[in-house]
Amino acid sequence: MNKFILLVLMYTLTCGVYNGNAYVNSNFQPRTIEESYLEIGYKTVGEALKDFEHHYKQDLQLPLRVPPVVFTHLFARTIEGDSGDIFEMEFINEQSSVNNFMINVAVKDSFKILDKEVIKEFRLKGGNTAYLLSIGGPNPNLGSNLLVFEKDNLQYRFSIDKRISEKITPEILVQIANSIDY
């Protein structure tokens, strides 16, 4: 019996006694989506565009069209990388993780295109070829569809979640790509 009491006493001293009360800091304020994106380097499109153009000493044309889904926010940033900088613009919907559209722009040949990922090729208005790629695992509904093409010595990559590929078809992505020539 003495061993049992000693064991209970050691457990109580080691682990403490839980009285069922949990204390929470009532001053906690969840971060807004804007604060979260700004913390990881996103800015307004104008600021990020200025950064990219200053670095490359060249104008960056962006599409006039956007996908026909609802977005609540638009952020952009320039990411510095070993093989060159990337301009990234992300359209998001705060209420739906599916409604995302991303544009990445980098110097020519930055994004590698693997033949096994190419679903279809399209001819753009200016005569360039756009490649539709499927990225993701074995489940055909998971991952992303990408449209990759070149314009003015830059390579563009549009990315959408496969779960909205019925709303944002490859043809719509091509229309968005063709809206760069304004």
N, C-alpha and C. Protein backbone atom coordinates (compact mmCIF):
# COMPACT_ATOMS: atom_id res chain seq x y z
N MET A 1 0.81 -1.18 0.00
CA MET A 1 0.00 0.00 0.00
C MET A 1 0.85 1.25 0.00
N ASN A 2 1.96 1.22 0.74
CA ASN A 2 2.84 2.38 0.78
C ASN A 2 3.42 2.69 -0.60
N LYS A 3 3.66 1.65 -1.42
CA LYS A 3 4.18 1.87 -2.77
C LYS A 3 3.14 2.59 -3.64
N PHE A 4 1.85 2.22 -3.45
CA PHE A 4 0.79 2.86 -4.21
C PHE A 4 0.66 4.34 -3.87
N ILE A 5 0.70 4.67 -2.57
CA ILE A 5 0.62 6.06 -2.14
C ILE A 5 1.82 6.84 -2.64
N LEU A 6 2.98 6.23 -2.56
CA LEU A 6 4.20 6.88 -3.04
C LEU A 6 4.11 7.13 -4.55
N LEU A 7 3.56 6.17 -5.32
CA LEU A 7 3.40 6.31 -6.76
C LEU A 7 2.43 7.46 -7.09
N VAL A 8 1.30 7.53 -6.38
CA VAL A 8 0.32 8.60 -6.60
C VAL A 8 0.93 9.95 -6.25
N LEU A 9 1.66 10.02 -5.16
CA LEU A 9 2.31 11.26 -4.75
C LEU A 9 3.33 11.72 -5.78
N MET A 10 4.14 10.79 -6.30
CA MET A 10 5.14 11.15 -7.32
C MET A 10 4.46 11.61 -8.61
N TYR A 11 3.37 10.93 -9.02
CA TYR A 11 2.65 11.33 -10.22
C TYR A 11 2.07 12.73 -10.06
N THR A 12 1.50 13.01 -8.90
CA THR A 12 0.91 14.32 -8.64
C THR A 12 1.97 15.41 -8.66
N LEU A 13 3.10 15.16 -8.06
CA LEU A 13 4.17 16.16 -8.04
C LEU A 13 4.78 16.36 -9.42
N THR A 14 4.90 15.27 -10.18
CA THR A 14 5.52 15.36 -11.51
C THR A 14 4.58 16.02 -12.51
N CYS A 15 3.34 15.59 -12.56
CA CYS A 15 2.41 16.05 -13.59
C CYS A 15 1.50 17.17 -13.14
N GLY A 16 1.42 17.40 -11.86
CA GLY A 16 0.51 18.43 -11.38
C GLY A 16 -0.90 17.90 -11.30
N VAL A 17 -1.76 18.69 -10.78
CA VAL A 17 -3.16 18.29 -10.65
C VAL A 17 -3.96 19.12 -11.64
N TYR A 18 -4.74 18.44 -12.49
CA TYR A 18 -5.58 19.13 -13.47
C TYR A 18 -6.94 19.37 -12.83
N ASN A 19 -7.34 20.63 -12.74
CA ASN A 19 -8.61 20.93 -12.09
C ASN A 19 -9.73 21.19 -13.09
N GLY A 20 -9.47 20.99 -14.38
CA GLY A 20 -10.51 21.14 -15.38
C GLY A 20 -10.66 22.55 -15.92
N ASN A 21 -9.91 23.50 -15.43
CA ASN A 21 -10.00 24.87 -15.92
C ASN A 21 -8.91 25.14 -16.95
N ALA A 22 -9.27 25.78 -18.00
CA ALA A 22 -8.30 26.20 -19.01
C ALA A 22 -8.35 27.71 -19.09
N TYR A 23 -7.20 28.34 -19.18
CA TYR A 23 -7.14 29.79 -19.20
C TYR A 23 -6.69 30.25 -20.59
N VAL A 24 -7.40 31.21 -21.13
CA VAL A 24 -7.12 31.72 -22.46
C VAL A 24 -6.90 33.22 -22.36
N ASN A 25 -5.96 33.69 -23.14
CA ASN A 25 -5.70 35.12 -23.19
C ASN A 25 -6.84 35.78 -23.95
N SER A 26 -7.63 36.60 -23.29
CA SER A 26 -8.78 37.22 -23.93
C SER A 26 -8.38 38.36 -24.87
N ASN A 27 -7.11 38.73 -24.89
CA ASN A 27 -6.65 39.79 -25.78
C ASN A 27 -6.22 39.26 -27.14
N PHE A 28 -6.30 37.96 -27.35
CA PHE A 28 -5.87 37.37 -28.62
C PHE A 28 -6.78 37.83 -29.74
N GLN A 29 -6.17 38.37 -30.78
CA GLN A 29 -6.90 38.79 -31.97
C GLN A 29 -6.37 37.99 -33.16
N PRO A 30 -7.24 37.25 -33.82
CA PRO A 30 -6.75 36.51 -34.99
C PRO A 30 -6.26 37.48 -36.06
N ARG A 31 -5.25 37.03 -36.79
CA ARG A 31 -4.71 37.88 -37.86
C ARG A 31 -5.66 37.94 -39.02
N THR A 32 -5.67 39.08 -39.65
CA THR A 32 -6.46 39.19 -40.87
C THR A 32 -5.66 38.56 -42.00
N ILE A 33 -6.34 38.26 -43.06
CA ILE A 33 -5.67 37.67 -44.22
C ILE A 33 -4.65 38.66 -44.80
N GLU A 34 -4.99 39.95 -44.73
CA GLU A 34 -4.07 40.97 -45.22
C GLU A 34 -2.78 40.97 -44.41
N GLU A 35 -2.90 40.90 -43.09
CA GLU A 35 -1.71 40.88 -42.24
C GLU A 35 -0.85 39.66 -42.52
N SER A 36 -1.49 38.52 -42.71
CA SER A 36 -0.76 37.28 -42.99
C SER A 36 0.02 37.38 -44.29
N TYR A 37 -0.61 37.88 -45.34
CA TYR A 37 0.06 37.98 -46.64
C TYR A 37 1.17 39.04 -46.62
N LEU A 38 0.91 40.16 -45.96
CA LEU A 38 1.93 41.21 -45.89
C LEU A 38 3.17 40.71 -45.13
N GLU A 39 2.96 39.89 -44.13
CA GLU A 39 4.08 39.37 -43.35
C GLU A 39 5.01 38.49 -44.18
N ILE A 40 4.48 37.80 -45.19
CA ILE A 40 5.33 36.93 -46.02
C ILE A 40 5.77 37.60 -47.32
N GLY A 41 5.69 38.93 -47.34
CA GLY A 41 6.29 39.67 -48.44
C GLY A 41 5.37 40.13 -49.55
N TYR A 42 4.09 39.86 -49.44
CA TYR A 42 3.17 40.34 -50.47
C TYR A 42 2.93 41.83 -50.28
N LYS A 43 2.62 42.49 -51.40
CA LYS A 43 2.37 43.93 -51.43
C LYS A 43 1.19 44.19 -52.36
N THR A 44 0.97 45.45 -52.63
CA THR A 44 -0.01 45.76 -53.67
C THR A 44 0.62 45.38 -55.01
N VAL A 45 -0.21 45.17 -56.00
CA VAL A 45 0.30 44.80 -57.33
C VAL A 45 1.21 45.90 -57.86
N GLY A 46 0.83 47.16 -57.66
CA GLY A 46 1.65 48.27 -58.15
C GLY A 46 3.04 48.29 -57.57
N GLU A 47 3.15 48.05 -56.25
CA GLU A 47 4.46 48.05 -55.60
C GLU A 47 5.32 46.88 -56.09
N ALA A 48 4.74 45.69 -56.17
CA ALA A 48 5.49 44.51 -56.61
C ALA A 48 5.89 44.63 -58.07
N LEU A 49 5.01 45.19 -58.88
CA LEU A 49 5.30 45.40 -60.30
C LEU A 49 6.47 46.37 -60.46
N LYS A 50 6.46 47.43 -59.69
CA LYS A 50 7.56 48.41 -59.72
C LYS A 50 8.88 47.74 -59.34
N ASP A 51 8.86 46.88 -58.30
CA ASP A 51 10.07 46.16 -57.88
C ASP A 51 10.61 45.30 -59.02
N PHE A 52 9.73 44.54 -59.66
CA PHE A 52 10.14 43.63 -60.73
C PHE A 52 10.69 44.41 -61.92
N GLU A 53 9.98 45.45 -62.34
CA GLU A 53 10.41 46.24 -63.50
C GLU A 53 11.72 46.96 -63.22
N HIS A 54 11.92 47.44 -62.01
CA HIS A 54 13.17 48.10 -61.64
C HIS A 54 14.33 47.11 -61.71
N HIS A 55 14.10 45.91 -61.21
CA HIS A 55 15.15 44.89 -61.20
C HIS A 55 15.52 44.46 -62.61
N TYR A 56 14.53 44.22 -63.48
CA TYR A 56 14.79 43.72 -64.83
C TYR A 56 14.91 44.83 -65.87
N LYS A 57 14.66 46.06 -65.48
CA LYS A 57 14.75 47.19 -66.42
C LYS A 57 13.90 46.95 -67.66
N GLN A 58 12.70 46.42 -67.44
CA GLN A 58 11.78 46.14 -68.55
C GLN A 58 10.36 46.20 -68.02
N ASP A 59 9.44 46.64 -68.88
CA ASP A 59 8.04 46.67 -68.50
C ASP A 59 7.48 45.26 -68.43
N LEU A 60 6.59 45.05 -67.51
CA LEU A 60 5.91 43.77 -67.36
C LEU A 60 4.44 43.99 -67.66
N GLN A 61 3.97 43.34 -68.72
CA GLN A 61 2.56 43.46 -69.07
C GLN A 61 1.78 42.36 -68.36
N LEU A 62 0.66 42.75 -67.79
CA LEU A 62 -0.22 41.81 -67.11
C LEU A 62 -1.53 41.70 -67.88
N PRO A 63 -2.23 40.59 -67.72
CA PRO A 63 -3.49 40.43 -68.46
C PRO A 63 -4.57 41.39 -67.98
N LEU A 64 -5.43 41.76 -68.90
CA LEU A 64 -6.58 42.60 -68.56
C LEU A 64 -7.72 41.75 -68.02
N ARG A 65 -7.80 40.52 -68.46
CA ARG A 65 -8.88 39.63 -68.04
C ARG A 65 -8.48 38.84 -66.81
N VAL A 66 -9.48 38.42 -66.06
CA VAL A 66 -9.29 37.53 -64.92
C VAL A 66 -10.32 36.40 -65.04
N PRO A 67 -10.11 35.31 -64.33
CA PRO A 67 -11.07 34.21 -64.40
C PRO A 67 -12.45 34.62 -63.89
N PRO A 68 -13.50 33.97 -64.40
CA PRO A 68 -14.88 34.33 -64.03
C PRO A 68 -15.33 33.69 -62.72
N VAL A 69 -14.56 33.88 -61.67
CA VAL A 69 -14.94 33.44 -60.33
C VAL A 69 -14.73 34.62 -59.38
N VAL A 70 -15.30 34.53 -58.20
CA VAL A 70 -15.23 35.63 -57.24
C VAL A 70 -13.93 35.55 -56.44
N PHE A 71 -13.22 36.68 -56.39
CA PHE A 71 -12.02 36.81 -55.57
C PHE A 71 -12.26 37.93 -54.57
N THR A 72 -11.74 37.75 -53.35
CA THR A 72 -11.89 38.79 -52.34
C THR A 72 -10.62 39.62 -52.17
N HIS A 73 -9.48 39.07 -52.59
CA HIS A 73 -8.20 39.76 -52.39
C HIS A 73 -7.27 39.53 -53.58
N LEU A 74 -6.36 40.47 -53.74
CA LEU A 74 -5.32 40.39 -54.76
C LEU A 74 -4.02 40.87 -54.13
N PHE A 75 -3.01 40.02 -54.17
CA PHE A 75 -1.70 40.36 -53.62
C PHE A 75 -0.63 40.05 -54.65
N ALA A 76 0.52 40.67 -54.51
CA ALA A 76 1.63 40.39 -55.41
C ALA A 76 2.94 40.57 -54.66
N ARG A 77 3.97 39.95 -55.19
CA ARG A 77 5.31 40.10 -54.63
C ARG A 77 6.33 39.67 -55.66
N THR A 78 7.55 40.09 -55.45
CA THR A 78 8.67 39.63 -56.25
C THR A 78 9.51 38.76 -55.33
N ILE A 79 9.74 37.54 -55.77
CA ILE A 79 10.50 36.57 -54.99
C ILE A 79 11.88 36.47 -55.61
N GLU A 80 12.91 36.68 -54.79
CA GLU A 80 14.27 36.55 -55.27
C GLU A 80 14.70 35.10 -55.15
N GLY A 81 15.22 34.57 -56.25
CA GLY A 81 15.65 33.17 -56.27
C GLY A 81 17.03 33.02 -56.87
N ASP A 82 17.59 31.84 -56.71
CA ASP A 82 18.93 31.56 -57.24
C ASP A 82 18.96 31.63 -58.76
N SER A 83 17.88 31.17 -59.41
CA SER A 83 17.87 31.17 -60.86
C SER A 83 17.14 32.38 -61.43
N GLY A 84 16.88 33.37 -60.62
CA GLY A 84 16.22 34.58 -61.08
C GLY A 84 15.02 34.91 -60.23
N ASP A 85 14.56 36.13 -60.37
CA ASP A 85 13.42 36.59 -59.60
C ASP A 85 12.12 36.19 -60.29
N ILE A 86 11.08 36.05 -59.48
CA ILE A 86 9.76 35.70 -60.00
C ILE A 86 8.77 36.73 -59.50
N PHE A 87 7.98 37.26 -60.40
CA PHE A 87 6.86 38.11 -60.03
C PHE A 87 5.68 37.18 -59.80
N GLU A 88 5.03 37.31 -58.65
CA GLU A 88 3.92 36.43 -58.31
C GLU A 88 2.72 37.28 -57.94
N MET A 89 1.61 37.00 -58.58
CA MET A 89 0.36 37.71 -58.30
C MET A 89 -0.68 36.65 -57.96
N GLU A 90 -1.32 36.80 -56.81
CA GLU A 90 -2.27 35.80 -56.35
C GLU A 90 -3.63 36.41 -56.09
N PHE A 91 -4.63 35.84 -56.76
CA PHE A 91 -6.03 36.19 -56.55
C PHE A 91 -6.59 35.13 -55.63
N ILE A 92 -7.21 35.54 -54.52
CA ILE A 92 -7.74 34.56 -53.59
C ILE A 92 -9.16 34.93 -53.18
N ASN A 93 -9.85 33.94 -52.66
CA ASN A 93 -11.16 34.16 -52.08
C ASN A 93 -11.07 33.70 -50.64
N GLU A 94 -11.27 34.61 -49.73
CA GLU A 94 -11.11 34.33 -48.30
C GLU A 94 -12.08 33.25 -47.82
N GLN A 95 -13.23 33.12 -48.46
CA GLN A 95 -14.22 32.14 -48.04
C GLN A 95 -14.08 30.80 -48.76
N SER A 96 -13.25 30.71 -49.78
CA SER A 96 -13.13 29.48 -50.55
C SER A 96 -11.67 29.24 -50.94
N SER A 97 -11.10 28.18 -50.40
CA SER A 97 -9.71 27.88 -50.74
C SER A 97 -9.57 27.37 -52.17
N VAL A 98 -10.67 27.05 -52.80
CA VAL A 98 -10.65 26.56 -54.18
C VAL A 98 -10.50 27.71 -55.18
N ASN A 99 -11.12 28.86 -54.90
CA ASN A 99 -11.09 29.99 -55.83
C ASN A 99 -9.77 30.74 -55.72
N ASN A 100 -8.74 30.15 -56.27
CA ASN A 100 -7.42 30.79 -56.30
C ASN A 100 -6.92 30.80 -57.74
N PHE A 101 -6.28 31.88 -58.10
CA PHE A 101 -5.67 32.01 -59.42
C PHE A 101 -4.33 32.69 -59.20
N MET A 102 -3.28 32.09 -59.73
CA MET A 102 -1.96 32.66 -59.52
C MET A 102 -1.28 32.89 -60.87
N ILE A 103 -0.60 34.02 -60.95
CA ILE A 103 0.22 34.35 -62.12
C ILE A 103 1.66 34.47 -61.64
N ASN A 104 2.54 33.70 -62.26
CA ASN A 104 3.98 33.82 -62.00
C ASN A 104 4.65 34.23 -63.30
N VAL A 105 5.58 35.17 -63.20
CA VAL A 105 6.32 35.63 -64.37
C VAL A 105 7.80 35.65 -64.01
N ALA A 106 8.61 35.07 -64.89
CA ALA A 106 10.05 35.03 -64.68
C ALA A 106 10.74 35.13 -66.03
N VAL A 107 12.05 35.16 -66.01
CA VAL A 107 12.79 35.21 -67.26
C VAL A 107 12.52 33.93 -68.05
N LYS A 108 12.71 34.03 -69.35
CA LYS A 108 12.45 32.92 -70.27
C LYS A 108 13.15 31.64 -69.80
N ASP A 109 12.45 30.53 -69.95
CA ASP A 109 12.94 29.19 -69.61
C ASP A 109 13.11 28.95 -68.11
N SER A 110 12.48 29.75 -67.26
CA SER A 110 12.57 29.54 -65.82
C SER A 110 11.72 28.37 -65.35
N PHE A 111 10.55 28.21 -65.96
CA PHE A 111 9.64 27.13 -65.58
C PHE A 111 9.86 25.97 -66.54
N LYS A 112 10.27 24.85 -66.01
CA LYS A 112 10.54 23.68 -66.84
C LYS A 112 9.22 23.00 -67.21
N ILE A 113 9.12 22.61 -68.46
CA ILE A 113 7.93 21.93 -68.96
C ILE A 113 8.32 20.49 -69.28
N LEU A 114 7.72 19.56 -68.55
CA LEU A 114 7.97 18.14 -68.79
C LEU A 114 6.91 17.60 -69.74
N ASP A 115 7.34 16.89 -70.76
CA ASP A 115 6.40 16.36 -71.76
C ASP A 115 5.28 15.53 -71.13
N LYS A 116 5.60 14.78 -70.08
CA LYS A 116 4.58 13.93 -69.46
C LYS A 116 3.49 14.73 -68.76
N GLU A 117 3.73 16.00 -68.46
CA GLU A 117 2.74 16.84 -67.79
C GLU A 117 1.88 17.63 -68.78
N VAL A 118 2.29 17.69 -70.04
CA VAL A 118 1.56 18.48 -71.04
C VAL A 118 0.29 17.75 -71.45
N ILE A 119 -0.84 18.45 -71.28
CA ILE A 119 -2.13 17.90 -71.68
C ILE A 119 -2.49 18.34 -73.09
N LYS A 120 -2.21 19.62 -73.37
CA LYS A 120 -2.63 20.19 -74.66
C LYS A 120 -1.77 21.41 -74.97
N GLU A 121 -1.66 21.74 -76.24
CA GLU A 121 -0.97 22.95 -76.68
C GLU A 121 -1.98 23.87 -77.34
N PHE A 122 -1.77 25.17 -77.16
CA PHE A 122 -2.64 26.19 -77.76
C PHE A 122 -1.77 27.20 -78.49
N ARG A 123 -2.27 27.78 -79.55
CA ARG A 123 -1.60 28.86 -80.27
C ARG A 123 -2.19 30.16 -79.77
N LEU A 124 -1.34 31.04 -79.26
CA LEU A 124 -1.79 32.34 -78.76
C LEU A 124 -1.88 33.35 -79.90
N LYS A 125 -2.52 34.46 -79.62
CA LYS A 125 -2.75 35.53 -80.60
C LYS A 125 -1.45 35.99 -81.26
N GLY A 126 -0.38 36.12 -80.52
CA GLY A 126 0.88 36.58 -81.07
C GLY A 126 1.69 35.51 -81.79
N GLY A 127 1.17 34.28 -81.83
CA GLY A 127 1.86 33.20 -82.51
C GLY A 127 2.63 32.27 -81.59
N ASN A 128 2.79 32.64 -80.32
CA ASN A 128 3.50 31.78 -79.38
C ASN A 128 2.64 30.58 -78.99
N THR A 129 3.29 29.55 -78.51
CA THR A 129 2.60 28.35 -78.04
C THR A 129 2.42 28.41 -76.53
N ALA A 130 1.23 28.05 -76.09
CA ALA A 130 0.95 27.93 -74.65
C ALA A 130 0.74 26.45 -74.36
N TYR A 131 1.30 26.00 -73.24
CA TYR A 131 1.21 24.60 -72.86
C TYR A 131 0.33 24.46 -71.63
N LEU A 132 -0.68 23.60 -71.72
CA LEU A 132 -1.52 23.30 -70.58
C LEU A 132 -0.92 22.08 -69.89
N LEU A 133 -0.61 22.24 -68.61
CA LEU A 133 0.01 21.17 -67.83
C LEU A 133 -0.91 20.78 -66.69
N SER A 134 -0.80 19.53 -66.27
CA SER A 134 -1.52 19.04 -65.11
C SER A 134 -0.49 18.61 -64.08
N ILE A 135 -0.56 19.23 -62.91
CA ILE A 135 0.38 18.94 -61.82
C ILE A 135 -0.41 18.40 -60.66
N GLY A 136 0.04 17.32 -60.07
CA GLY A 136 -0.64 16.78 -58.91
C GLY A 136 -0.45 15.29 -58.81
N GLY A 137 -1.08 14.73 -57.82
CA GLY A 137 -0.94 13.31 -57.53
C GLY A 137 -1.82 12.45 -58.40
N PRO A 138 -2.02 11.22 -57.96
CA PRO A 138 -2.80 10.26 -58.74
C PRO A 138 -4.29 10.59 -58.82
N ASN A 139 -4.79 11.35 -57.87
CA ASN A 139 -6.20 11.76 -57.91
C ASN A 139 -6.34 12.87 -58.94
N PRO A 140 -7.16 12.67 -59.98
CA PRO A 140 -7.27 13.68 -61.05
C PRO A 140 -7.89 14.99 -60.61
N ASN A 141 -8.55 15.02 -59.44
CA ASN A 141 -9.18 16.26 -58.97
C ASN A 141 -8.30 17.07 -58.04
N LEU A 142 -7.14 16.55 -57.70
CA LEU A 142 -6.24 17.28 -56.82
C LEU A 142 -5.07 17.82 -57.60
N GLY A 143 -4.56 18.94 -57.16
CA GLY A 143 -3.42 19.54 -57.83
C GLY A 143 -3.82 20.80 -58.58
N SER A 144 -3.03 21.14 -59.58
CA SER A 144 -3.24 22.37 -60.33
C SER A 144 -3.16 22.13 -61.83
N ASN A 145 -3.88 22.97 -62.55
CA ASN A 145 -3.71 23.08 -63.99
C ASN A 145 -2.91 24.35 -64.24
N LEU A 146 -1.92 24.24 -65.11
CA LEU A 146 -1.06 25.38 -65.41
C LEU A 146 -1.12 25.68 -66.90
N LEU A 147 -1.06 26.95 -67.23
CA LEU A 147 -0.88 27.37 -68.61
C LEU A 147 0.43 28.13 -68.64
N VAL A 148 1.39 27.63 -69.41
CA VAL A 148 2.73 28.22 -69.46
C VAL A 148 3.00 28.69 -70.89
N PHE A 149 3.49 29.94 -71.01
CA PHE A 149 3.78 30.50 -72.32
C PHE A 149 4.83 31.60 -72.18
N GLU A 150 5.39 32.00 -73.33
CA GLU A 150 6.41 33.06 -73.33
C GLU A 150 5.91 34.28 -74.08
N LYS A 151 6.36 35.43 -73.60
CA LYS A 151 6.05 36.70 -74.26
C LYS A 151 7.12 37.71 -73.84
N ASP A 152 7.69 38.40 -74.82
CA ASP A 152 8.69 39.45 -74.56
C ASP A 152 9.84 38.98 -73.68
N ASN A 153 10.40 37.83 -74.00
CA ASN A 153 11.53 37.24 -73.26
C ASN A 153 11.20 36.93 -71.80
N LEU A 154 9.94 36.85 -71.49
CA LEU A 154 9.50 36.45 -70.15
C LEU A 154 8.64 35.19 -70.29
N GLN A 155 8.61 34.41 -69.24
CA GLN A 155 7.77 33.22 -69.23
C GLN A 155 6.68 33.41 -68.19
N TYR A 156 5.45 33.20 -68.60
CA TYR A 156 4.28 33.35 -67.76
C TYR A 156 3.75 31.97 -67.38
N ARG A 157 3.26 31.87 -66.15
CA ARG A 157 2.62 30.63 -65.70
C ARG A 157 1.36 31.01 -64.94
N PHE A 158 0.21 30.56 -65.48
CA PHE A 158 -1.07 30.74 -64.81
C PHE A 158 -1.39 29.43 -64.10
N SER A 159 -1.88 29.51 -62.89
CA SER A 159 -2.16 28.31 -62.12
C SER A 159 -3.54 28.41 -61.48
N ILE A 160 -4.32 27.33 -61.64
CA ILE A 160 -5.63 27.24 -60.97
C ILE A 160 -5.74 25.89 -60.28
N ASP A 161 -6.57 25.84 -59.28
CA ASP A 161 -6.89 24.60 -58.59
C ASP A 161 -7.73 23.74 -59.53
N LYS A 162 -7.40 22.45 -59.64
CA LYS A 162 -8.16 21.57 -60.54
C LYS A 162 -9.63 21.48 -60.16
N ARG A 163 -9.96 21.73 -58.90
CA ARG A 163 -11.35 21.61 -58.47
C ARG A 163 -12.26 22.67 -59.10
N ILE A 164 -11.68 23.71 -59.70
CA ILE A 164 -12.52 24.70 -60.40
C ILE A 164 -12.25 24.72 -61.90
N SER A 165 -11.70 23.62 -62.40
CA SER A 165 -11.36 23.56 -63.82
C SER A 165 -12.59 23.54 -64.72
N GLU A 166 -13.77 23.26 -64.18
CA GLU A 166 -14.99 23.36 -64.99
C GLU A 166 -15.41 24.81 -65.17
N LYS A 167 -15.10 25.65 -64.18
CA LYS A 167 -15.41 27.08 -64.28
C LYS A 167 -14.33 27.83 -65.04
N ILE A 168 -13.09 27.45 -64.82
CA ILE A 168 -11.97 28.10 -65.49
C ILE A 168 -11.35 27.07 -66.43
N THR A 169 -11.88 27.02 -67.61
CA THR A 169 -11.44 26.04 -68.61
C THR A 169 -10.11 26.46 -69.24
N PRO A 170 -9.46 25.54 -69.93
CA PRO A 170 -8.23 25.92 -70.63
C PRO A 170 -8.46 27.06 -71.63
N GLU A 171 -9.60 27.06 -72.26
CA GLU A 171 -9.91 28.12 -73.23
C GLU A 171 -10.00 29.49 -72.54
N ILE A 172 -10.52 29.51 -71.34
CA ILE A 172 -10.58 30.77 -70.58
C ILE A 172 -9.17 31.22 -70.21
N LEU A 173 -8.32 30.27 -69.82
CA LEU A 173 -6.92 30.62 -69.53
C LEU A 173 -6.23 31.20 -70.76
N VAL A 174 -6.52 30.65 -71.92
CA VAL A 174 -5.95 31.18 -73.17
C VAL A 174 -6.49 32.59 -73.44
N GLN A 175 -7.77 32.83 -73.21
CA GLN A 175 -8.33 34.18 -73.37
C GLN A 175 -7.63 35.17 -72.44
N ILE A 176 -7.36 34.75 -71.22
CA ILE A 176 -6.66 35.61 -70.26
C ILE A 176 -5.26 35.89 -70.77
N ALA A 177 -4.57 34.86 -71.28
CA ALA A 177 -3.22 35.04 -71.83
C ALA A 177 -3.25 36.01 -73.03
N ASN A 178 -4.23 35.86 -73.88
CA ASN A 178 -4.34 36.75 -75.05
C ASN A 178 -4.69 38.18 -74.66
N SER A 179 -5.21 38.41 -73.48
CA SER A 179 -5.55 39.78 -73.06
C SER A 179 -4.29 40.56 -72.64
N ILE A 180 -3.15 39.93 -72.66
CA ILE A 180 -1.90 40.65 -72.36
C ILE A 180 -1.54 41.58 -73.51
N ASP A 181 -1.90 41.23 -74.71
CA ASP A 181 -1.61 42.04 -75.89
C ASP A 181 -2.60 43.17 -76.05
N TYR A 182 -2.57 44.14 -75.17
CA TYR A 182 -3.51 45.26 -75.27
C TYR A 182 -2.84 46.47 -75.83
